[in-house]
């Protein structure tokens, strides 16, 4: 039933025939599999005052712990549970093995909103290096906790935090003996999972708009591939393309005005760009090879993409204005499904390491250094965090599809398996605006 243009699906490692467990709840869980020994020790005291199901301090602690940059001190080692710096006795807290201490509290205002107050203290003289009071609507308790964790991360490391961002992914499951697919959205800690689309036909290649207010993806719900755009707040869906043949691999330009994609409307899979205001199409490549999986550089002037024009799948860069194309990868006979880091420094890709093993590899675009990040045999779909520090990807644990997150130096790893079902095709959101 697959025609030649769908030969490029091997680049994407779709493997739609893998089995799936029945789905009761597609929420993700967290398993930290490797830590940094030199991570900064930090004590996060449970917040005082009004709390929702999860204590604000516990959410902040979990965020920082999963970042790979911090080692959170166990609660049992805290000498007391202060909610402000005024309640801390320096002589007692000097013995706590932490470079930083986080304290705070939550109160409910008469109108029902929640007021948050937090402080970040340096251990030495318990110096207050960060503090803030703010209010949120009552349903945004987790947003408030992720916001505080982001502020602490930025203060301590100098880099933006990513705890308030989201992950989009596909969950494959069985219902009544029939395979189904869900497009899921969750916090990066797996909480607050939302189903955006549920279909008996495959869902592929989800991607974010730069504003994080819209997503695009490929759906086979009409029995052939079509690219859809969906508004996250209204849930309104628009079919963007439905040409004969392949409609695949959508990718938003950094300014949000154009969409790169792969189409075979003229016979062969080629790269196109659509103006999202006029829907006008511009063809970018004209090669007898398969050109697919475009991703924009941050300046919107170039695309990196996969092509087998050299005899096997490799990564290339296309200058949109001139049409000049340059091969970027040379190590290994298979490199595909690349993502470029938001700072344009690295490429993450699916790399055939030998035999039938597919791993996630990293190439430094400034010096050409190529390294393999993962050592599991069936990894796919790498996507960078918006601060360019981590990569999320699809992998296997036993016979089940899970998501993995890894720091670029490979020293911190965690897994996000679904409670049920197979999770794959992850893509990390940009910073939420």
Protein backbone atom coordinates (compact mmCIF):
# COMPACT_ATOMS: atom_id res chain seq x y z
CA UNK A 1 0.00 0.00 0.00
CA UNK A 2 3.03 2.31 0.44
CA UNK A 3 4.27 3.96 -2.76
CA UNK A 4 7.83 5.02 -3.52
CA UNK A 5 7.60 8.49 -1.90
CA UNK A 6 6.96 6.72 1.38
CA UNK A 7 10.38 5.13 1.14
CA UNK A 8 11.48 8.16 3.15
CA UNK A 9 9.57 6.76 6.11
CA UNK A 10 12.59 4.61 6.82
CA UNK A 11 14.40 7.88 7.54
CA UNK A 12 11.82 8.66 10.19
CA UNK A 13 11.95 5.14 11.73
CA UNK A 14 8.21 5.11 12.08
CA UNK A 15 7.87 1.37 12.70
CA UNK A 16 4.12 1.70 12.91
CA UNK A 17 3.76 -2.05 13.34
CA UNK A 18 5.17 -2.23 16.88
CA UNK A 19 2.78 -3.59 19.45
CA UNK A 20 1.18 -1.41 22.10
CA UNK A 21 -0.31 -2.01 25.50
CA UNK A 22 -3.90 -1.05 26.23
CA UNK A 23 -4.25 2.58 27.33
CA UNK A 24 -5.90 3.52 30.58
CA UNK A 25 -3.95 6.69 31.29
CA UNK A 26 -1.27 8.05 28.96
CA UNK A 27 0.44 10.22 31.61
CA UNK A 28 4.21 10.11 31.65
CA UNK A 29 6.31 9.22 34.67
CA UNK A 30 9.92 10.12 35.46
CA UNK A 31 12.88 7.77 35.95
CA UNK A 32 16.31 9.36 36.48
CA UNK A 33 18.86 6.87 35.13
CA UNK A 34 22.14 8.83 35.41
CA UNK A 35 23.21 11.84 37.48
CA UNK A 36 26.04 14.36 37.57
CA UNK A 37 28.31 13.92 40.57
CA UNK A 38 29.35 17.58 40.54
CA UNK A 39 25.82 19.03 40.42
CA UNK A 40 25.21 22.00 42.73
CA UNK A 41 23.67 20.93 46.06
CA UNK A 42 20.50 22.83 46.90
CA UNK A 43 17.98 22.56 49.74
CA UNK A 44 14.34 23.21 48.82
CA UNK A 45 12.16 23.53 51.90
CA UNK A 46 8.49 22.50 51.53
CA UNK A 47 6.46 25.67 51.09
CA UNK A 48 4.20 26.82 53.89
CA UNK A 49 0.62 28.00 53.69
CA UNK A 50 -2.07 26.87 51.25
CA UNK A 51 -1.05 23.98 48.99
CA UNK A 52 -2.64 22.07 46.14
CA UNK A 53 -2.26 18.32 45.61
CA UNK A 54 1.53 18.69 45.30
CA UNK A 55 3.53 21.00 47.56
CA UNK A 56 5.06 23.88 45.62
CA UNK A 57 8.45 23.17 47.13
CA UNK A 58 8.24 19.53 46.05
CA UNK A 59 7.54 20.52 42.42
CA UNK A 60 10.44 23.00 42.46
CA UNK A 61 12.76 20.41 43.99
CA UNK A 62 11.78 17.82 41.38
CA UNK A 63 12.32 20.33 38.54
CA UNK A 64 15.79 21.29 39.75
CA UNK A 65 16.72 17.67 40.47
CA UNK A 66 15.78 16.61 36.93
CA UNK A 67 17.75 19.41 35.32
CA UNK A 68 21.06 17.64 35.89
CA UNK A 69 22.53 20.87 37.30
CA UNK A 70 21.38 20.43 40.89
CA UNK A 71 21.48 17.81 43.61
CA UNK A 72 18.52 18.35 45.93
CA UNK A 73 19.19 17.69 49.61
CA UNK A 74 16.90 15.05 51.11
CA UNK A 75 14.11 16.46 53.25
CA UNK A 76 15.23 14.29 56.17
CA UNK A 77 18.49 16.28 56.30
CA UNK A 78 16.73 19.64 56.75
CA UNK A 79 16.99 20.85 60.37
CA UNK A 80 13.66 22.73 60.22
CA UNK A 81 10.93 23.79 57.79
CA UNK A 82 11.04 27.60 57.60
CA UNK A 83 8.91 29.44 55.06
CA UNK A 84 10.96 32.66 55.03
CA UNK A 85 14.53 33.78 55.63
CA UNK A 86 13.40 35.45 58.87
CA UNK A 87 12.67 32.00 60.32
CA UNK A 88 16.12 30.57 59.55
CA UNK A 89 18.74 30.28 62.29
CA UNK A 90 22.11 30.62 60.50
CA UNK A 91 23.97 28.63 63.13
CA UNK A 92 21.66 25.65 62.51
CA UNK A 93 21.58 25.85 58.70
CA UNK A 94 25.33 26.25 58.25
CA UNK A 95 25.65 22.48 58.68
CA UNK A 96 23.25 21.69 55.81
CA UNK A 97 25.23 20.38 52.79
CA UNK A 98 23.79 22.86 50.29
CA UNK A 99 25.13 25.85 48.36
CA UNK A 100 21.61 27.31 48.10
CA UNK A 101 18.44 27.21 50.19
CA UNK A 102 14.93 27.84 48.82
CA UNK A 103 12.08 28.88 51.14
CA UNK A 104 8.60 30.17 50.43
CA UNK A 105 4.89 30.12 51.12
CA UNK A 106 1.51 30.33 49.38
CA UNK A 107 -1.59 32.19 50.55
CA UNK A 108 -5.08 32.47 49.12
CA UNK A 109 -6.41 35.95 48.43
CA UNK A 110 -10.07 36.94 49.01
CA UNK A 111 -10.77 36.74 45.26
CA UNK A 112 -9.51 33.12 45.16
CA UNK A 113 -6.16 33.81 43.50
CA UNK A 114 -2.96 32.44 44.97
CA UNK A 115 -0.14 34.64 46.21
CA UNK A 116 3.38 33.18 46.10
CA UNK A 117 6.41 34.39 48.00
CA UNK A 118 9.82 32.75 47.64
CA UNK A 119 13.47 33.44 48.46
CA UNK A 120 16.76 31.95 47.26
CA UNK A 121 19.52 32.13 49.85
CA UNK A 122 23.24 31.49 49.61
CA UNK A 123 24.51 29.14 52.26
CA UNK A 124 27.63 31.11 53.30
CA UNK A 125 26.00 33.98 55.15
CA UNK A 126 22.47 33.02 54.15
CA UNK A 127 22.55 35.96 51.79
CA UNK A 128 19.28 36.58 49.92
CA UNK A 129 20.18 36.50 46.21
CA UNK A 130 16.67 36.23 44.77
CA UNK A 131 13.17 36.87 46.00
CA UNK A 132 9.75 37.72 44.61
CA UNK A 133 6.05 37.91 45.42
CA UNK A 134 3.47 37.33 42.69
CA UNK A 135 -0.10 36.14 42.21
CA UNK A 136 -1.70 33.63 39.83
CA UNK A 137 -5.17 32.25 39.22
CA UNK A 138 -6.08 29.31 41.45
CA UNK A 139 -5.75 26.78 38.62
CA UNK A 140 -2.15 27.70 37.85
CA UNK A 141 -0.34 26.31 40.89
CA UNK A 142 1.97 24.10 38.84
CA UNK A 143 2.74 27.00 36.48
CA UNK A 144 3.79 29.05 39.49
CA UNK A 145 6.10 26.29 40.75
CA UNK A 146 7.72 25.84 37.32
CA UNK A 147 8.15 29.62 37.07
CA UNK A 148 9.98 29.75 40.40
CA UNK A 149 12.20 26.83 39.39
CA UNK A 150 13.08 28.66 36.15
CA UNK A 151 14.02 31.81 38.08
CA UNK A 152 16.21 29.84 40.49
CA UNK A 153 17.91 27.97 37.65
CA UNK A 154 18.69 31.24 35.83
CA UNK A 155 20.05 32.88 38.99
CA UNK A 156 22.29 29.93 39.87
CA UNK A 157 23.53 28.95 36.39
CA UNK A 158 23.18 32.08 34.27
CA UNK A 159 21.16 30.07 31.73
CA UNK A 160 17.38 30.20 31.10
CA UNK A 161 15.37 27.40 32.70
CA UNK A 162 13.06 25.11 30.74
CA UNK A 163 10.68 23.86 33.44
CA UNK A 164 7.68 25.86 32.18
CA UNK A 165 8.00 24.40 28.68
CA UNK A 166 5.97 21.55 27.20
CA UNK A 167 6.52 18.33 25.28
CA UNK A 168 4.36 17.19 22.35
CA UNK A 169 4.40 13.49 21.48
CA UNK A 170 2.45 10.64 19.91
CA UNK A 171 1.03 7.81 22.00
CA UNK A 172 0.21 4.53 20.26
CA UNK A 173 -2.15 2.20 22.10
CA UNK A 174 -4.79 -0.49 21.66
CA UNK A 175 -8.50 -0.09 22.26
CA UNK A 176 -10.84 -3.04 21.78
CA UNK A 177 -8.09 -4.89 19.97
CA UNK A 178 -7.51 -2.07 17.50
CA UNK A 179 -4.45 0.14 17.24
CA UNK A 180 -5.04 3.86 17.84
CA UNK A 181 -2.92 7.01 18.01
CA UNK A 182 -3.14 10.01 20.28
CA UNK A 183 -1.37 13.33 19.97
CA UNK A 184 -0.50 14.27 23.55
CA UNK A 185 0.73 17.42 25.26
CA UNK A 186 2.23 17.58 28.75
CA UNK A 187 4.55 19.50 31.03
CA UNK A 188 8.14 18.31 30.67
CA UNK A 189 7.74 16.45 33.96
CA UNK A 190 4.86 14.46 32.44
CA UNK A 191 2.13 16.20 34.43
CA UNK A 192 -1.09 17.73 33.06
CA UNK A 193 -1.28 15.47 30.02
CA UNK A 194 -3.84 16.61 27.44
CA UNK A 195 -5.06 14.71 24.36
CA UNK A 196 -5.18 16.93 21.28
CA UNK A 197 -6.19 14.31 18.72
CA UNK A 198 -7.26 10.65 18.91
CA UNK A 199 -7.32 8.66 15.67
CA UNK A 200 -7.34 5.12 14.29
CA UNK A 201 -4.83 6.32 11.66
CA UNK A 202 -1.18 7.26 12.28
CA UNK A 203 -0.16 10.72 13.50
CA UNK A 204 3.36 11.81 12.58
CA UNK A 205 5.87 14.67 12.72
CA UNK A 206 4.32 17.01 15.33
CA UNK A 207 5.96 20.44 15.48
CA UNK A 208 5.50 23.74 17.34
CA UNK A 209 4.93 27.24 16.08
CA UNK A 210 7.54 29.69 17.42
CA UNK A 211 4.88 31.31 19.63
CA UNK A 212 3.94 27.88 21.07
CA UNK A 213 0.28 28.79 20.47
CA UNK A 214 -0.14 26.43 17.50
CA UNK A 215 1.12 23.05 16.41
CA UNK A 216 1.31 21.25 13.08
CA UNK A 217 1.40 17.53 12.35
CA UNK A 218 0.74 14.89 9.72
CA UNK A 219 -2.44 12.85 10.04
CA UNK A 220 -3.59 9.86 7.97
CA UNK A 221 -7.21 10.21 9.12
CA UNK A 222 -8.42 10.58 5.52
CA UNK A 223 -6.46 7.42 4.63
CA UNK A 224 -3.65 9.48 3.11
CA UNK A 225 -1.15 11.92 4.66
CA UNK A 226 -2.23 15.52 5.16
CA UNK A 227 -0.66 18.37 7.14
CA UNK A 228 -2.88 19.97 9.79
CA UNK A 229 -2.43 23.09 11.91
CA UNK A 230 -4.14 23.22 15.30
CA UNK A 231 -4.70 26.16 17.64
CA UNK A 232 -3.96 25.03 21.21
CA UNK A 233 -6.33 27.42 22.96
CA UNK A 234 -9.39 26.98 20.69
CA UNK A 235 -8.56 23.43 19.47
CA UNK A 236 -9.55 24.59 15.97
CA UNK A 237 -7.91 22.48 13.25
CA UNK A 238 -7.09 23.57 9.69
CA UNK A 239 -5.97 21.24 6.90
CA UNK A 240 -2.94 22.96 5.42
CA UNK A 241 -2.07 20.54 2.61
CA UNK A 242 -3.78 17.56 1.01
CA UNK A 243 -1.91 17.13 -2.24
CA UNK A 244 -1.61 13.88 -4.12
CA UNK A 245 1.21 11.76 -2.75
CA UNK A 246 3.31 12.73 0.23
CA UNK A 247 2.49 15.63 2.54
CA UNK A 248 5.02 15.43 5.35
CA UNK A 249 7.59 16.81 7.80
CA UNK A 250 6.12 20.28 8.51
CA UNK A 251 8.44 22.86 10.11
CA UNK A 252 7.59 26.45 11.09
CA UNK A 253 9.94 29.28 10.19
CA UNK A 254 11.31 31.27 13.16
CA UNK A 255 9.06 34.24 12.33
CA UNK A 256 5.98 32.00 12.16
CA UNK A 257 5.08 33.19 8.66
CA UNK A 258 6.18 30.19 6.59
CA UNK A 259 6.02 26.41 6.78
CA UNK A 260 8.68 24.16 5.28
CA UNK A 261 7.52 20.68 4.29
CA UNK A 262 8.11 17.69 2.04
CA UNK A 263 5.70 17.17 -0.87
CA UNK A 264 5.69 14.72 -3.76
CA UNK A 265 2.95 16.57 -5.68
CA UNK A 266 5.27 16.83 -8.68
CA UNK A 267 6.32 13.18 -8.54
CA UNK A 268 9.40 13.12 -6.31
CA UNK A 269 9.72 14.07 -2.62
CA UNK A 270 11.11 17.61 -2.58
CA UNK A 271 11.34 20.49 -0.11
CA UNK A 272 8.78 23.28 -0.34
CA UNK A 273 7.97 26.40 1.66
CA UNK A 274 4.42 27.67 2.07
CA UNK A 275 3.56 31.28 2.84
CA UNK A 276 1.01 30.88 5.64
CA UNK A 277 -0.77 34.11 4.75
CA UNK A 278 -1.37 33.36 1.06
CA UNK A 279 -0.78 29.56 1.00
CA UNK A 280 1.57 30.16 -1.93
CA UNK A 281 4.10 27.35 -2.40
CA UNK A 282 7.75 27.71 -3.38
CA UNK A 283 9.70 24.64 -4.42
CA UNK A 284 13.22 24.64 -2.97
CA UNK A 285 14.85 21.44 -4.24
CA UNK A 286 14.85 19.62 -7.56
CA UNK A 287 16.80 16.40 -7.22
CA UNK A 288 16.03 12.78 -8.14
CA UNK A 289 16.88 11.79 -4.55
CA UNK A 290 14.46 11.93 -1.64
CA UNK A 291 14.70 15.29 0.18
CA UNK A 292 12.80 15.46 3.46
CA UNK A 293 12.70 16.46 7.16
CA UNK A 294 13.52 20.20 6.84
CA UNK A 295 14.40 22.22 9.96
CA UNK A 296 15.06 25.96 10.02
CA UNK A 297 18.16 27.71 11.28
CA UNK A 298 17.40 30.45 13.79
CA UNK A 299 17.86 33.27 11.26
CA UNK A 300 15.27 31.76 8.89
CA UNK A 301 17.75 31.87 6.00
CA UNK A 302 18.64 28.17 5.77
CA UNK A 303 17.19 24.70 6.22
CA UNK A 304 18.91 21.52 7.34
CA UNK A 305 17.33 18.43 5.81
CA UNK A 306 17.76 14.72 5.07
CA UNK A 307 18.60 13.51 1.58
CA UNK A 308 19.87 10.28 0.05
CA UNK A 309 21.45 12.13 -2.90
CA UNK A 310 24.89 10.79 -1.85
CA UNK A 311 23.64 7.19 -1.89
CA UNK A 312 22.37 6.99 1.68
CA UNK A 313 20.55 9.30 4.12
CA UNK A 314 22.75 12.24 5.22
CA UNK A 315 22.16 15.75 6.53
CA UNK A 316 22.51 18.80 4.29
CA UNK A 317 22.14 22.56 4.66
CA UNK A 318 20.22 24.58 2.04
CA UNK A 319 20.61 28.33 1.63
CA UNK A 320 17.08 29.39 0.74
CA UNK A 321 18.05 32.58 -1.10
CA UNK A 322 20.78 31.08 -3.30
CA UNK A 323 19.77 27.41 -3.45
CA UNK A 324 23.31 26.40 -2.49
CA UNK A 325 23.39 23.01 -0.73
CA UNK A 326 26.18 21.71 1.52
CA UNK A 327 26.54 18.23 3.00
CA UNK A 328 27.04 18.37 6.78
CA UNK A 329 27.42 14.74 7.91
CA UNK A 330 30.01 12.23 6.72
CA UNK A 331 30.42 9.77 9.60
CA UNK A 332 28.34 6.62 9.11
CA UNK A 333 26.16 5.53 6.23
CA UNK A 334 22.88 6.71 7.84
CA UNK A 335 22.20 10.10 9.44
CA UNK A 336 18.63 11.40 9.40
CA UNK A 337 15.82 13.16 11.26
CA UNK A 338 18.09 16.01 12.37
CA UNK A 339 17.14 18.83 14.70
CA UNK A 340 19.26 21.97 14.97
CA UNK A 341 19.75 23.53 18.39
CA UNK A 342 18.11 26.93 18.95
CA UNK A 343 21.58 28.50 19.26
CA UNK A 344 22.58 26.92 15.90
CA UNK A 345 25.57 25.22 17.56
CA UNK A 346 24.64 21.53 17.31
CA UNK A 347 22.83 19.01 15.15
CA UNK A 348 21.12 16.08 16.87
CA UNK A 349 20.23 13.20 14.55
CA UNK A 350 19.38 9.53 14.22
CA UNK A 351 22.63 7.72 13.41
CA UNK A 352 23.11 4.14 12.32
CA UNK A 353 25.91 3.05 14.60
CA UNK A 354 26.27 -0.42 13.07
CA UNK A 355 24.06 -3.29 12.04
CA UNK A 356 20.46 -2.42 12.79
CA UNK A 357 21.24 -0.15 15.75
CA UNK A 358 20.02 3.44 15.55
CA UNK A 359 21.29 5.89 18.17
CA UNK A 360 21.12 9.63 18.78
CA UNK A 361 24.28 11.41 17.65
CA UNK A 362 25.46 15.00 18.05
CA UNK A 363 27.55 17.09 15.68
CA UNK A 364 29.12 20.38 16.71
CA UNK A 365 28.62 22.70 13.74
CA UNK A 366 31.42 25.02 14.86
CA UNK A 367 34.18 22.42 14.74
CA UNK A 368 32.62 19.35 13.10
CA UNK A 369 33.12 17.09 16.13
CA UNK A 370 30.73 14.11 15.90
CA UNK A 371 29.75 12.10 18.98
CA UNK A 372 27.20 9.43 19.84
CA UNK A 373 24.92 10.41 22.73
CA UNK A 374 22.97 7.19 23.33
CA UNK A 375 23.85 3.51 23.45
CA UNK A 376 20.38 2.02 23.07
CA UNK A 377 19.59 0.29 19.73
CA UNK A 378 16.36 1.94 18.52
CA UNK A 379 16.44 5.67 19.22
CA UNK A 380 14.69 8.28 17.08
CA UNK A 381 13.19 11.77 16.78
CA UNK A 382 15.65 13.99 18.72
CA UNK A 383 14.43 17.45 19.70
CA UNK A 384 16.38 20.17 21.54
CA UNK A 385 15.25 22.01 24.64
CA UNK A 386 14.83 25.74 23.98
CA UNK A 387 17.99 26.54 25.99
CA UNK A 388 19.99 24.14 23.74
CA UNK A 389 21.20 22.19 26.80
CA UNK A 390 19.22 18.95 26.51
CA UNK A 391 17.65 16.62 23.95
CA UNK A 392 14.42 14.63 24.18
CA UNK A 393 14.12 11.55 21.96
CA UNK A 394 12.13 8.35 21.54
CA UNK A 395 13.74 5.10 22.68
CA UNK A 396 12.88 1.62 23.96
CA UNK A 397 12.77 0.17 27.45
CA UNK A 398 12.36 -3.56 27.04
CA UNK A 399 9.67 -3.92 24.38
CA UNK A 400 8.01 -0.58 25.14
CA UNK A 401 8.43 2.83 23.53
CA UNK A 402 9.43 5.55 26.01
CA UNK A 403 10.92 9.04 25.86
CA UNK A 404 14.45 9.81 26.95
CA UNK A 405 15.99 13.13 27.97
CA UNK A 406 19.75 13.64 28.02
CA UNK A 407 22.17 16.52 28.57
CA UNK A 408 24.38 17.26 25.58
CA UNK A 409 27.47 16.08 27.43
CA UNK A 410 25.74 12.72 28.00
CA UNK A 411 26.28 12.81 31.76
CA UNK A 412 22.64 13.23 32.83
CA UNK A 413 19.82 10.98 31.60
CA UNK A 414 16.20 10.31 32.46
CA UNK A 415 13.31 8.36 30.96
CA UNK A 416 9.66 9.30 30.65
CA UNK A 417 7.62 6.13 30.06
CA UNK A 418 3.86 6.37 29.70
CA UNK A 419 1.79 4.59 32.33
CA UNK A 420 0.34 2.66 29.37
CA UNK A 421 0.90 2.77 25.64
CA UNK A 422 3.89 3.55 23.44
CA UNK A 423 5.26 7.09 23.33
CA UNK A 424 7.28 8.41 20.40
CA UNK A 425 7.82 11.39 18.05
CA UNK A 426 8.57 13.88 20.87
CA UNK A 427 9.19 17.55 20.19
CA UNK A 428 10.17 20.10 22.84
CA UNK A 429 8.28 23.40 22.85
CA UNK A 430 9.93 26.80 22.54
CA UNK A 431 9.72 29.08 25.55
CA UNK A 432 6.08 29.84 26.29
CA UNK A 433 5.13 33.46 25.69
